[in-house]
Every structure is written in C-alpha cells, then in structure tokens.
Amino acid sequence: MSQQNSGRGPAYRAALAAVIILSVLLVAGVVALVFGFMRQYEIYRSRARGTMGATANSETGDAPAVIALEPGARIISVKIDAHHLILQLATAKGDQVEVLDLATGTLLYRVAASKP
C-alpha cells in the first residue's frame, strides 16, 4: 500500500503530533492545578494553626496584643485593613485616629486634632 491509500500523510502526522502535544499540556495543567490546590490548602492550614495558637494563648491569660487607651478616651469606630487596626477615638484633648499593627499591637501612626 502506498502512503496516500493508508491515509497517513504529512497532514495526518502533523495532526497526530498536535494531539499528542496538546494532551501532554492538558495533563501538565491538571497536575499544576492539583499542586496549586495543595499549596493553598497548606497555607490555609498554617494560618488556621496560627489563629488557634493565639486563641490558646488568650485562654491561658496571655493576650497576643494589649492596646492601652488614654484615661477617658472613647472608641468611636474600629476598622481593620491590611493587617492594621484603625481606631477613631474621642479624647479630652480632641479626636484622634490611631493605626496599630494587628500582630504586635504597636502604634504605627497617630493623627490628632485638638479641640477648638
């Protein structure tokens, strides 16, 4: 039999090569997707363990962070943004906005407006 009669000419070989290459890429994509899900799950588990550790510390009496306010200060609003705690306070001296780090409780910024 000749090549034309068997149907295995250059076009057939090119199509077969394309199918093989695309199949390999599909399998590689599925494997990458599974590894990506496993990685994200490990990140999720490590964060959950970190949160549970903070809860265990608070049960023993050790708070992860303690924020001390001025005497007579009142909290007007609280917001959390990008691992920061934003407090709007009303004090005897005037209004203040404080930005604290959630992990350590350290004061990062303070903006104060004096009373008129």
PDB file of N, CA and C in Angstrom:
ATOM      1  N   MET A   1       0.831  -1.176   0.000  1.00  0.00           N
ATOM      2  CA  MET A   1       0.000   0.000   0.000  1.00  0.00           C
ATOM      3  C   MET A   1       0.872   1.235   0.000  1.00  0.00           C
ATOM      4  N   SER A   2       0.384   2.229  -0.638  1.00  0.00           N
ATOM      5  CA  SER A   2       1.126   3.492  -0.680  1.00  0.00           C
ATOM      6  C   SER A   2       0.668   4.366   0.472  1.00  0.00           C
ATOM      7  N   GLN A   3       1.387   5.506   0.691  1.00  0.00           N
ATOM      8  CA  GLN A   3       1.057   6.398   1.799  1.00  0.00           C
ATOM      9  C   GLN A   3      -0.298   7.049   1.597  1.00  0.00           C
ATOM     10  N   GLN A   4      -0.666   7.369   0.367  1.00  0.00           N
ATOM     11  CA  GLN A   4      -1.941   8.038   0.120  1.00  0.00           C
ATOM     12  C   GLN A   4      -3.110   7.113   0.418  1.00  0.00           C
ATOM     13  N   ASN A   5      -2.968   5.856   0.153  1.00  0.00           N
ATOM     14  CA  ASN A   5      -4.054   4.927   0.393  1.00  0.00           C
ATOM     15  C   ASN A   5      -4.236   4.633   1.894  1.00  0.00           C
ATOM     16  N   SER A   6      -3.154   4.663   2.659  1.00  0.00           N
ATOM     17  CA  SER A   6      -3.268   4.360   4.088  1.00  0.00           C
ATOM     18  C   SER A   6      -3.767   5.555   4.885  1.00  0.00           C
ATOM     19  N   GLY A   7      -3.765   6.754   4.325  1.00  0.00           N
ATOM     20  CA  GLY A   7      -4.257   7.945   4.997  1.00  0.00           C
ATOM     21  C   GLY A   7      -3.289   8.500   6.025  1.00  0.00           C
ATOM     22  N   ARG A   8      -2.033   8.126   5.931  1.00  0.00           N
ATOM     23  CA  ARG A   8      -1.051   8.600   6.903  1.00  0.00           C
ATOM     24  C   ARG A   8      -0.021   9.486   6.221  1.00  0.00           C
ATOM     25  N   GLY A   9      -0.514  10.563   5.671  1.00  0.00           N
ATOM     26  CA  GLY A   9       0.361  11.516   5.000  1.00  0.00           C
ATOM     27  C   GLY A   9       0.888  12.550   5.979  1.00  0.00           C
ATOM     28  N   PRO A  10       1.512  13.613   5.454  1.00  0.00           N
ATOM     29  CA  PRO A  10       2.079  14.659   6.316  1.00  0.00           C
ATOM     30  C   PRO A  10       1.016  15.382   7.146  1.00  0.00           C
ATOM     31  N   ALA A  11      -0.175  15.549   6.613  1.00  0.00           N
ATOM     32  CA  ALA A  11      -1.230  16.223   7.363  1.00  0.00           C
ATOM     33  C   ALA A  11      -1.666  15.365   8.560  1.00  0.00           C
ATOM     34  N   TYR A  12      -1.742  14.069   8.356  1.00  0.00           N
ATOM     35  CA  TYR A  12      -2.106  13.167   9.443  1.00  0.00           C
ATOM     36  C   TYR A  12      -1.051  13.182  10.537  1.00  0.00           C
ATOM     37  N   ARG A  13       0.204  13.147  10.144  1.00  0.00           N
ATOM     38  CA  ARG A  13       1.286  13.164  11.136  1.00  0.00           C
ATOM     39  C   ARG A  13       1.314  14.484  11.901  1.00  0.00           C
ATOM     40  N   ALA A  14       1.044  15.599  11.236  1.00  0.00           N
ATOM     41  CA  ALA A  14       1.013  16.898  11.908  1.00  0.00           C
ATOM     42  C   ALA A  14      -0.150  16.954  12.899  1.00  0.00           C
ATOM     43  N   ALA A  15      -1.309  16.418  12.493  1.00  0.00           N
ATOM     44  CA  ALA A  15      -2.458  16.394  13.397  1.00  0.00           C
ATOM     45  C   ALA A  15      -2.188  15.483  14.593  1.00  0.00           C
ATOM     46  N   LEU A  16      -1.551  14.348  14.353  1.00  0.00           N
ATOM     47  CA  LEU A  16      -1.218  13.428  15.437  1.00  0.00           C
ATOM     48  C   LEU A  16      -0.227  14.078  16.410  1.00  0.00           C
ATOM     49  N   ALA A  17       0.765  14.784  15.901  1.00  0.00           N
ATOM     50  CA  ALA A  17       1.728  15.482  16.758  1.00  0.00           C
ATOM     51  C   ALA A  17       1.029  16.574  17.579  1.00  0.00           C
ATOM     52  N   ALA A  18       0.092  17.293  16.966  1.00  0.00           N
ATOM     53  CA  ALA A  18      -0.642  18.338  17.683  1.00  0.00           C
ATOM     54  C   ALA A  18      -1.487  17.733  18.801  1.00  0.00           C
ATOM     55  N   VAL A  19      -2.123  16.603  18.541  1.00  0.00           N
ATOM     56  CA  VAL A  19      -2.940  15.939  19.564  1.00  0.00           C
ATOM     57  C   VAL A  19      -2.065  15.469  20.722  1.00  0.00           C
ATOM     58  N   ILE A  20      -0.915  14.913  20.417  1.00  0.00           N
ATOM     59  CA  ILE A  20      -0.015  14.438  21.475  1.00  0.00           C
ATOM     60  C   ILE A  20       0.492  15.613  22.308  1.00  0.00           C
ATOM     61  N   ILE A  21       0.914  16.694  21.660  1.00  0.00           N
ATOM     62  CA  ILE A  21       1.433  17.865  22.380  1.00  0.00           C
ATOM     63  C   ILE A  21       0.340  18.483  23.256  1.00  0.00           C
ATOM     64  N   LEU A  22      -0.854  18.639  22.707  1.00  0.00           N
ATOM     65  CA  LEU A  22      -1.939  19.229  23.483  1.00  0.00           C
ATOM     66  C   LEU A  22      -2.365  18.324  24.638  1.00  0.00           C
ATOM     67  N   SER A  23      -2.300  17.018  24.447  1.00  0.00           N
ATOM     68  CA  SER A  23      -2.628  16.086  25.536  1.00  0.00           C
ATOM     69  C   SER A  23      -1.605  16.203  26.671  1.00  0.00           C
ATOM     70  N   VAL A  24      -0.340  16.310  26.319  1.00  0.00           N
ATOM     71  CA  VAL A  24       0.703  16.470  27.338  1.00  0.00           C
ATOM     72  C   VAL A  24       0.504  17.787  28.087  1.00  0.00           C
ATOM     73  N   LEU A  25       0.179  18.862  27.362  1.00  0.00           N
ATOM     74  CA  LEU A  25      -0.067  20.155  28.010  1.00  0.00           C
ATOM     75  C   LEU A  25      -1.288  20.098  28.929  1.00  0.00           C
ATOM     76  N   LEU A  26      -2.321  19.388  28.519  1.00  0.00           N
ATOM     77  CA  LEU A  26      -3.509  19.241  29.348  1.00  0.00           C
ATOM     78  C   LEU A  26      -3.187  18.496  30.635  1.00  0.00           C
ATOM     79  N   VAL A  27      -2.443  17.411  30.543  1.00  0.00           N
ATOM     80  CA  VAL A  27      -2.058  16.644  31.732  1.00  0.00           C
ATOM     81  C   VAL A  27      -1.175  17.498  32.643  1.00  0.00           C
ATOM     82  N   ALA A  28      -0.223  18.248  32.065  1.00  0.00           N
ATOM     83  CA  ALA A  28       0.636  19.113  32.868  1.00  0.00           C
ATOM     84  C   ALA A  28      -0.186  20.196  33.569  1.00  0.00           C
ATOM     85  N   GLY A  29      -1.196  20.726  32.903  1.00  0.00           N
ATOM     86  CA  GLY A  29      -2.061  21.726  33.515  1.00  0.00           C
ATOM     87  C   GLY A  29      -2.859  21.174  34.685  1.00  0.00           C
ATOM     88  N   VAL A  30      -3.370  19.966  34.537  1.00  0.00           N
ATOM     89  CA  VAL A  30      -4.130  19.339  35.625  1.00  0.00           C
ATOM     90  C   VAL A  30      -3.202  19.067  36.812  1.00  0.00           C
ATOM     91  N   VAL A  31      -1.988  18.587  36.548  1.00  0.00           N
ATOM     92  CA  VAL A  31      -1.031  18.342  37.628  1.00  0.00           C
ATOM     93  C   VAL A  31      -0.689  19.653  38.337  1.00  0.00           C
ATOM     94  N   ALA A  32      -0.467  20.736  37.578  1.00  0.00           N
ATOM     95  CA  ALA A  32      -0.171  22.039  38.176  1.00  0.00           C
ATOM     96  C   ALA A  32      -1.349  22.534  39.001  1.00  0.00           C
ATOM     97  N   LEU A  33      -2.557  22.305  38.540  1.00  0.00           N
ATOM     98  CA  LEU A  33      -3.748  22.709  39.282  1.00  0.00           C
ATOM     99  C   LEU A  33      -3.843  21.966  40.608  1.00  0.00           C
ATOM    100  N   VAL A  34      -3.568  20.672  40.613  1.00  0.00           N
ATOM    101  CA  VAL A  34      -3.609  19.881  41.845  1.00  0.00           C
ATOM    102  C   VAL A  34      -2.539  20.370  42.820  1.00  0.00           C
ATOM    103  N   PHE A  35      -1.315  20.624  42.322  1.00  0.00           N
ATOM    104  CA  PHE A  35      -0.265  21.132  43.203  1.00  0.00           C
ATOM    105  C   PHE A  35      -0.625  22.511  43.748  1.00  0.00           C
ATOM    106  N   GLY A  36      -1.256  23.344  42.933  1.00  0.00           N
ATOM    107  CA  GLY A  36      -1.675  24.662  43.387  1.00  0.00           C
ATOM    108  C   GLY A  36      -2.707  24.570  44.495  1.00  0.00           C
ATOM    109  N   PHE A  37      -3.690  23.683  44.344  1.00  0.00           N
ATOM    110  CA  PHE A  37      -4.685  23.483  45.393  1.00  0.00           C
ATOM    111  C   PHE A  37      -4.029  22.963  46.673  1.00  0.00           C
ATOM    112  N   MET A  38      -3.082  22.036  46.541  1.00  0.00           N
ATOM    113  CA  MET A  38      -2.406  21.506  47.719  1.00  0.00           C
ATOM    114  C   MET A  38      -1.616  22.612  48.425  1.00  0.00           C
ATOM    115  N   ARG A  39      -0.962  23.468  47.668  1.00  0.00           N
ATOM    116  CA  ARG A  39      -0.176  24.568  48.251  1.00  0.00           C
ATOM    117  C   ARG A  39      -1.095  25.545  48.989  1.00  0.00           C
ATOM    118  N   GLN A  40      -2.200  25.916  48.364  1.00  0.00           N
ATOM    119  CA  GLN A  40      -3.132  26.837  49.009  1.00  0.00           C
ATOM    120  C   GLN A  40      -3.734  26.222  50.274  1.00  0.00           C
ATOM    121  N   TYR A  41      -3.986  24.922  50.259  1.00  0.00           N
ATOM    122  CA  TYR A  41      -4.519  24.251  51.433  1.00  0.00           C
ATOM    123  C   TYR A  41      -3.507  24.273  52.577  1.00  0.00           C
ATOM    124  N   GLU A  42      -2.236  24.065  52.252  1.00  0.00           N
ATOM    125  CA  GLU A  42      -1.199  24.121  53.281  1.00  0.00           C
ATOM    126  C   GLU A  42      -1.095  25.520  53.866  1.00  0.00           C
ATOM    127  N   ILE A  43      -1.198  26.552  53.032  1.00  0.00           N
ATOM    128  CA  ILE A  43      -1.177  27.930  53.517  1.00  0.00           C
ATOM    129  C   ILE A  43      -2.377  28.170  54.426  1.00  0.00           C
ATOM    130  N   TYR A  44      -3.543  27.701  54.012  1.00  0.00           N
ATOM    131  CA  TYR A  44      -4.754  27.844  54.823  1.00  0.00           C
ATOM    132  C   TYR A  44      -4.593  27.154  56.171  1.00  0.00           C
ATOM    133  N   ARG A  45      -4.055  25.933  56.163  1.00  0.00           N
ATOM    134  CA  ARG A  45      -3.873  25.194  57.408  1.00  0.00           C
ATOM    135  C   ARG A  45      -2.879  25.880  58.328  1.00  0.00           C
ATOM    136  N   SER A  46      -1.796  26.427  57.772  1.00  0.00           N
ATOM    137  CA  SER A  46      -0.807  27.084  58.627  1.00  0.00           C
ATOM    138  C   SER A  46      -1.383  28.352  59.236  1.00  0.00           C
ATOM    139  N   ARG A  47      -2.209  29.084  58.500  1.00  0.00           N
ATOM    140  CA  ARG A  47      -2.850  30.277  59.063  1.00  0.00           C
ATOM    141  C   ARG A  47      -3.863  29.887  60.133  1.00  0.00           C
ATOM    142  N   ALA A  48      -4.599  28.798  59.899  1.00  0.00           N
ATOM    143  CA  ALA A  48      -5.580  28.346  60.883  1.00  0.00           C
ATOM    144  C   ALA A  48      -4.883  27.900  62.157  1.00  0.00           C
ATOM    145  N   ARG A  49      -3.733  27.251  62.022  1.00  0.00           N
ATOM    146  CA  ARG A  49      -2.972  26.853  63.204  1.00  0.00           C
ATOM    147  C   ARG A  49      -2.473  28.067  63.966  1.00  0.00           C
ATOM    148  N   GLY A  50      -2.064  29.110  63.244  1.00  0.00           N
ATOM    149  CA  GLY A  50      -1.603  30.338  63.887  1.00  0.00           C
ATOM    150  C   GLY A  50      -2.713  31.004  64.660  1.00  0.00           C
ATOM    151  N   THR A  51      -3.912  31.024  64.119  1.00  0.00           N
ATOM    152  CA  THR A  51      -5.063  31.607  64.805  1.00  0.00           C
ATOM    153  C   THR A  51      -5.419  30.783  66.031  1.00  0.00           C
ATOM    154  N   MET A  52      -5.365  29.464  65.903  1.00  0.00           N
ATOM    155  CA  MET A  52      -5.682  28.624  67.054  1.00  0.00           C
ATOM    156  C   MET A  52      -4.642  28.808  68.144  1.00  0.00           C
ATOM    157  N   GLY A  53      -3.393  29.045  67.772  1.00  0.00           N
ATOM    158  CA  GLY A  53      -2.364  29.293  68.766  1.00  0.00           C
ATOM    159  C   GLY A  53      -2.639  30.566  69.536  1.00  0.00           C
ATOM    160  N   ALA A  54      -3.120  31.605  68.855  1.00  0.00           N
ATOM    161  CA  ALA A  54      -3.455  32.853  69.533  1.00  0.00           C
ATOM    162  C   ALA A  54      -4.625  32.642  70.478  1.00  0.00           C
ATOM    163  N   THR A  55      -5.573  31.804  70.087  1.00  0.00           N
ATOM    164  CA  THR A  55      -6.710  31.515  70.954  1.00  0.00           C
ATOM    165  C   THR A  55      -6.245  30.766  72.199  1.00  0.00           C
ATOM    166  N   ALA A  56      -5.323  29.850  72.013  1.00  0.00           N
ATOM    167  CA  ALA A  56      -4.819  29.102  73.160  1.00  0.00           C
ATOM    168  C   ALA A  56      -4.090  30.034  74.118  1.00  0.00           C
ATOM    169  N   ASN A  57      -3.353  31.018  73.601  1.00  0.00           N
ATOM    170  CA  ASN A  57      -2.673  31.975  74.461  1.00  0.00           C
ATOM    171  C   ASN A  57      -3.667  32.804  75.248  1.00  0.00           C
ATOM    172  N   SER A  58      -4.763  33.205  74.612  1.00  0.00           N
ATOM    173  CA  SER A  58      -5.731  34.029  75.316  1.00  0.00           C
ATOM    174  C   SER A  58      -6.464  33.227  76.387  1.00  0.00           C
ATOM    175  N   GLU A  59      -6.578  31.908  76.214  1.00  0.00           N
ATOM    176  CA  GLU A  59      -7.215  31.086  77.230  1.00  0.00           C
ATOM    177  C   GLU A  59      -6.341  30.981  78.472  1.00  0.00           C
ATOM    178  N   THR A  60      -5.029  31.053  78.305  1.00  0.00           N
ATOM    179  CA  THR A  60      -4.134  30.982  79.453  1.00  0.00           C
ATOM    180  C   THR A  60      -3.953  32.338  80.106  1.00  0.00           C
ATOM    181  N   GLY A  61      -4.537  33.376  79.529  1.00  0.00           N
ATOM    182  CA  GLY A  61      -4.438  34.698  80.124  1.00  0.00           C
ATOM    183  C   GLY A  61      -3.470  35.617  79.402  1.00  0.00           C
ATOM    184  N   ASP A  62      -2.690  35.094  78.468  1.00  0.00           N
ATOM    185  CA  ASP A  62      -1.748  35.916  77.718  1.00  0.00           C
ATOM    186  C   ASP A  62      -2.399  36.373  76.432  1.00  0.00           C
ATOM    187  N   ALA A  63      -2.733  37.648  76.355  1.00  0.00           N
ATOM    188  CA  ALA A  63      -3.338  38.186  75.139  1.00  0.00           C
ATOM    189  C   ALA A  63      -2.243  38.420  74.110  1.00  0.00           C
ATOM    190  N   PRO A  64      -2.522  38.206  72.818  1.00  0.00           N
ATOM    191  CA  PRO A  64      -1.500  38.421  71.788  1.00  0.00           C
ATOM    192  C   PRO A  64      -1.062  39.876  71.722  1.00  0.00           C
ATOM    193  N   ALA A  65      -1.965  40.815  71.966  1.00  0.00           N
ATOM    194  CA  ALA A  65      -1.620  42.235  71.956  1.00  0.00           C
ATOM    195  C   ALA A  65      -2.588  42.972  72.864  1.00  0.00           C
ATOM    196  N   VAL A  66      -2.060  43.925  73.616  1.00  0.00           N
ATOM    197  CA  VAL A  66      -2.882  44.728  74.512  1.00  0.00           C
ATOM    198  C   VAL A  66      -2.761  46.177  74.074  1.00  0.00           C
ATOM    199  N   ILE A  67      -3.895  46.847  73.919  1.00  0.00           N
ATOM    200  CA  ILE A  67      -3.915  48.237  73.485  1.00  0.00           C
ATOM    201  C   ILE A  67      -4.388  49.080  74.663  1.00  0.00           C
ATOM    202  N   ALA A  68      -3.535  49.999  75.092  1.00  0.00           N
ATOM    203  CA  ALA A  68      -3.886  50.871  76.213  1.00  0.00           C
ATOM    204  C   ALA A  68      -4.349  52.214  75.658  1.00  0.00           C
ATOM    205  N   LEU A  69      -5.509  52.669  76.126  1.00  0.00           N
ATOM    206  CA  LEU A  69      -6.041  53.968  75.722  1.00  0.00           C
ATOM    207  C   LEU A  69      -5.796  54.985  76.822  1.00  0.00           C
ATOM    208  N   GLU A  70      -5.819  56.252  76.434  1.00  0.00           N
ATOM    209  CA  GLU A  70      -5.691  57.321  77.432  1.00  0.00           C
ATOM    210  C   GLU A  70      -6.889  57.269  78.369  1.00  0.00           C
ATOM    211  N   PRO A  71      -6.726  57.722  79.598  1.00  0.00           N
ATOM    212  CA  PRO A  71      -7.875  57.755  80.512  1.00  0.00           C
ATOM    213  C   PRO A  71      -8.969  58.676  79.964  1.00  0.00           C
ATOM    214  N   GLY A  72     -10.187  58.205  79.954  1.00  0.00           N
ATOM    215  CA  GLY A  72     -11.323  58.981  79.470  1.00  0.00           C
ATOM    216  C   GLY A  72     -11.527  58.897  77.963  1.00  0.00           C
ATOM    217  N   ALA A  73     -10.708  58.146  77.261  1.00  0.00           N
ATOM    218  CA  ALA A  73     -10.852  58.028  75.806  1.00  0.00           C
ATOM    219  C   ALA A  73     -11.990  57.066  75.481  1.00  0.00           C
ATOM    220  N   ARG A  74     -12.718  57.387  74.422  1.00  0.00           N
ATOM    221  CA  ARG A  74     -13.807  56.525  73.955  1.00  0.00           C
ATOM    222  C   ARG A  74     -13.515  56.114  72.519  1.00  0.00           C
ATOM    223  N   ILE A  75     -13.809  54.883  72.206  1.00  0.00           N
ATOM    224  CA  ILE A  75     -13.645  54.394  70.835  1.00  0.00           C
ATOM    225  C   ILE A  75     -14.906  54.745  70.068  1.00  0.00           C
ATOM    226  N   ILE A  76     -14.745  55.504  68.976  1.00  0.00           N
ATOM    227  CA  ILE A  76     -15.879  55.889  68.142  1.00  0.00           C
ATOM    228  C   ILE A  76     -16.103  54.860  67.042  1.00  0.00           C
ATOM    229  N   SER A  77     -15.019  54.439  66.383  1.00  0.00           N
ATOM    230  CA  SER A  77     -15.158  53.415  65.343  1.00  0.00           C
ATOM    231  C   SER A  77     -13.886  52.592  65.262  1.00  0.00           C
ATOM    232  N   VAL A  78     -14.042  51.378  64.761  1.00  0.00           N
ATOM    233  CA  VAL A  78     -12.937  50.436  64.593  1.00  0.00           C
ATOM    234  C   VAL A  78     -13.017  49.879  63.188  1.00  0.00           C
ATOM    235  N   LYS A  79     -11.886  49.870  62.483  1.00  0.00           N
ATOM    236  CA  LYS A  79     -11.813  49.268  61.151  1.00  0.00           C
ATOM    237  C   LYS A  79     -10.550  48.427  61.072  1.00  0.00           C
ATOM    238  N   ILE A  80     -10.602  47.362  60.286  1.00  0.00           N
ATOM    239  CA  ILE A  80      -9.441  46.518  60.048  1.00  0.00           C
ATOM    240  C   ILE A  80      -9.141  46.571  58.563  1.00  0.00           C
ATOM    241  N   ASP A  81      -7.875  46.874  58.227  1.00  0.00           N
ATOM    242  CA  ASP A  81      -7.488  46.982  56.827  1.00  0.00           C
ATOM    243  C   ASP A  81      -6.034  46.571  56.682  1.00  0.00           C
ATOM    244  N   ALA A  82      -5.757  45.560  55.883  1.00  0.00           N
ATOM    245  CA  ALA A  82      -4.395  45.125  55.540  1.00  0.00           C
ATOM    246  C   ALA A  82      -3.536  44.907  56.784  1.00  0.00           C
ATOM    247  N   HIS A  83      -4.005  44.083  57.699  1.00  0.00           N
ATOM    248  CA  HIS A  83      -3.280  43.729  58.914  1.00  0.00           C
ATOM    249  C   HIS A  83      -3.056  44.922  59.840  1.00  0.00           C
ATOM    250  N   HIS A  84      -3.903  45.932  59.728  1.00  0.00           N
ATOM    251  CA  HIS A  84      -3.831  47.091  60.610  1.00  0.00           C
ATOM    252  C   HIS A  84      -5.185  47.311  61.273  1.00  0.00           C
ATOM    253  N   LEU A  85      -5.144  47.770  62.498  1.00  0.00           N
ATOM    254  CA  LEU A  85      -6.339  48.137  63.233  1.00  0.00           C
ATOM    255  C   LEU A  85      -6.403  49.655  63.254  1.00  0.00           C
ATOM    256  N   ILE A  86      -7.500  50.206  62.773  1.00  0.00           N
ATOM    257  CA  ILE A  86      -7.672  51.656  62.700  1.00  0.00           C
ATOM    258  C   ILE A  86      -8.737  52.047  63.715  1.00  0.00           C
ATOM    259  N   LEU A  87      -8.328  52.820  64.710  1.00  0.00           N
ATOM    260  CA  LEU A  87      -9.229  53.258  65.768  1.00  0.00           C
ATOM    261  C   LEU A  87      -9.496  54.742  65.642  1.00  0.00           C
ATOM    262  N   GLN A  88     -10.751  55.132  65.701  1.00  0.00           N
ATOM    263  CA  GLN A  88     -11.113  56.538  65.786  1.00  0.00           C
ATOM    264  C   GLN A  88     -11.530  56.776  67.235  1.00  0.00           C
ATOM    265  N   LEU A  89     -10.817  57.678  67.908  1.00  0.00           N
ATOM    266  CA  LEU A  89     -11.003  57.896  69.332  1.00  0.00           C
ATOM    267  C   LEU A  89     -11.473  59.309  69.618  1.00  0.00           C
ATOM    268  N   ALA A  90     -12.240  59.449  70.680  1.00  0.00           N
ATOM    269  CA  ALA A  90     -12.607  60.762  71.203  1.00  0.00           C
ATOM    270  C   ALA A  90     -11.956  60.874  72.571  1.00  0.00           C
ATOM    271  N   THR A  91     -11.033  61.834  72.727  1.00  0.00           N
ATOM    272  CA  THR A  91     -10.335  62.032  73.991  1.00  0.00           C
ATOM    273  C   THR A  91     -10.635  63.423  74.528  1.00  0.00           C
ATOM    274  N   ALA A  92     -10.148  63.700  75.731  1.00  0.00           N
ATOM    275  CA  ALA A  92     -10.351  65.021  76.325  1.00  0.00           C
ATOM    276  C   ALA A  92      -9.594  66.083  75.535  1.00  0.00           C
ATOM    277  N   LYS A  93      -8.497  65.724  74.878  1.00  0.00           N
ATOM    278  CA  LYS A  93      -7.688  66.666  74.095  1.00  0.00           C
ATOM    279  C   LYS A  93      -8.279  66.916  72.714  1.00  0.00           C
ATOM    280  N   GLY A  94      -9.097  66.016  72.220  1.00  0.00           N
ATOM    281  CA  GLY A  94      -9.675  66.120  70.883  1.00  0.00           C
ATOM    282  C   GLY A  94      -9.778  64.748  70.241  1.00  0.00           C
ATOM    283  N   ASP A  95     -10.185  64.728  68.984  1.00  0.00           N
ATOM    284  CA  ASP A  95     -10.328  63.466  68.270  1.00  0.00           C
ATOM    285  C   ASP A  95      -8.965  62.974  67.785  1.00  0.00           C
ATOM    286  N   GLN A  96      -8.833  61.654  67.734  1.00  0.00           N
ATOM    287  CA  GLN A  96      -7.599  61.023  67.264  1.00  0.00           C
ATOM    288  C   GLN A  96      -7.935  59.841  66.379  1.00  0.00           C
ATOM    289  N   VAL A  97      -7.025  59.551  65.465  1.00  0.00           N
ATOM    290  CA  VAL A  97      -7.081  58.324  64.682  1.00  0.00           C
ATOM    291  C   VAL A  97      -5.756  57.618  64.908  1.00  0.00           C
ATOM    292  N   GLU A  98      -5.822  56.376  65.349  1.00  0.00           N
ATOM    293  CA  GLU A  98      -4.621  55.586  65.597  1.00  0.00           C
ATOM    294  C   GLU A  98      -4.632  54.368  64.691  1.00  0.00           C
ATOM    295  N   VAL A  99      -3.468  54.059  64.114  1.00  0.00           N
ATOM    296  CA  VAL A  99      -3.293  52.872  63.273  1.00  0.00           C
ATOM    297  C   VAL A  99      -2.312  51.965  63.992  1.00  0.00           C
ATOM    298  N   LEU A 100      -2.771  50.753  64.298  1.00  0.00           N
ATOM    299  CA  LEU A 100      -1.952  49.798  65.048  1.00  0.00           C
ATOM    300  C   LEU A 100      -1.722  48.546  64.218  1.00  0.00           C
ATOM    301  N   ASP A 101      -0.592  47.901  64.440  1.00  0.00           N
ATOM    302  CA  ASP A 101      -0.292  46.627  63.796  1.00  0.00           C
ATOM    303  C   ASP A 101      -1.061  45.541  64.539  1.00  0.00           C
ATOM    304  N   LEU A 102      -1.827  44.720  63.814  1.00  0.00           N
ATOM    305  CA  LEU A 102      -2.645  43.690  64.448  1.00  0.00           C
ATOM    306  C   LEU A 102      -1.809  42.598  65.104  1.00  0.00           C
ATOM    307  N   ALA A 103      -0.670  42.272  64.522  1.00  0.00           N
ATOM    308  CA  ALA A 103       0.126  41.165  65.042  1.00  0.00           C
ATOM    309  C   ALA A 103       0.800  41.523  66.365  1.00  0.00           C
ATOM    310  N   THR A 104       1.307  42.747  66.485  1.00  0.00           N
ATOM    311  CA  THR A 104       2.082  43.108  67.664  1.00  0.00           C
ATOM    312  C   THR A 104       1.374  44.095  68.577  1.00  0.00           C
ATOM    313  N   GLY A 105       0.419  44.839  68.060  1.00  0.00           N
ATOM    314  CA  GLY A 105      -0.256  45.849  68.851  1.00  0.00           C
ATOM    315  C   GLY A 105       0.495  47.161  68.932  1.00  0.00           C
ATOM    316  N   THR A 106       1.592  47.288  68.193  1.00  0.00           N
ATOM    317  CA  THR A 106       2.377  48.521  68.242  1.00  0.00           C
ATOM    318  C   THR A 106       1.687  49.628  67.466  1.00  0.00           C
ATOM    319  N   LEU A 107       1.833  50.827  67.956  1.00  0.00           N
ATOM    320  CA  LEU A 107       1.241  52.001  67.317  1.00  0.00           C
ATOM    321  C   LEU A 107       2.093  52.394  66.122  1.00  0.00           C
ATOM    322  N   LEU A 108       1.481  52.426  64.932  1.00  0.00           N
ATOM    323  CA  LEU A 108       2.201  52.799  63.721  1.00  0.00           C
ATOM    324  C   LEU A 108       2.052  54.283  63.413  1.00  0.00           C
ATOM    325  N   TYR A 109       0.823  54.783  63.500  1.00  0.00           N
ATOM    326  CA  TYR A 109       0.538  56.183  63.191  1.00  0.00           C
ATOM    327  C   TYR A 109      -0.479  56.723  64.180  1.00  0.00           C
ATOM    328  N   ARG A 110      -0.406  58.027  64.426  1.00  0.00           N
ATOM    329  CA  ARG A 110      -1.422  58.695  65.239  1.00  0.00           C
ATOM    330  C   ARG A 110      -1.648  60.069  64.607  1.00  0.00           C
ATOM    331  N   VAL A 111      -2.899  60.351  64.339  1.00  0.00           N
ATOM    332  CA  VAL A 111      -3.292  61.657  63.822  1.00  0.00           C
ATOM    333  C   VAL A 111      -4.247  62.253  64.854  1.00  0.00           C
ATOM    334  N   ALA A 112      -3.898  63.432  65.364  1.00  0.00           N
ATOM    335  CA  ALA A 112      -4.704  64.050  66.414  1.00  0.00           C
ATOM    336  C   ALA A 112      -5.177  65.408  65.954  1.00  0.00           C
ATOM    337  N   ALA A 113      -6.420  65.720  66.311  1.00  0.00           N
ATOM    338  CA  ALA A 113      -6.984  67.048  66.060  1.00  0.00           C
ATOM    339  C   ALA A 113      -7.358  67.639  67.409  1.00  0.00           C
ATOM    340  N   SER A 114      -6.854  68.821  67.710  1.00  0.00           N
ATOM    341  CA  SER A 114      -7.139  69.439  69.004  1.00  0.00           C
ATOM    342  C   SER A 114      -8.551  70.024  68.999  1.00  0.00           C
ATOM    343  N   LYS A 115      -9.106  70.126  70.193  1.00  0.00           N
ATOM    344  CA  LYS A 115     -10.449  70.704  70.321  1.00  0.00           C
ATOM    345  C   LYS A 115     -10.360  72.201  70.118  1.00  0.00           C
ATOM    346  N   PRO A 116     -11.349  72.798  69.436  1.00  0.00           N
ATOM    347  CA  PRO A 116     -11.306  74.256  69.226  1.00  0.00           C
ATOM    348  C   PRO A 116     -11.599  75.039  70.481  1.00  0.00           C
TER     349      PRO A 116
END
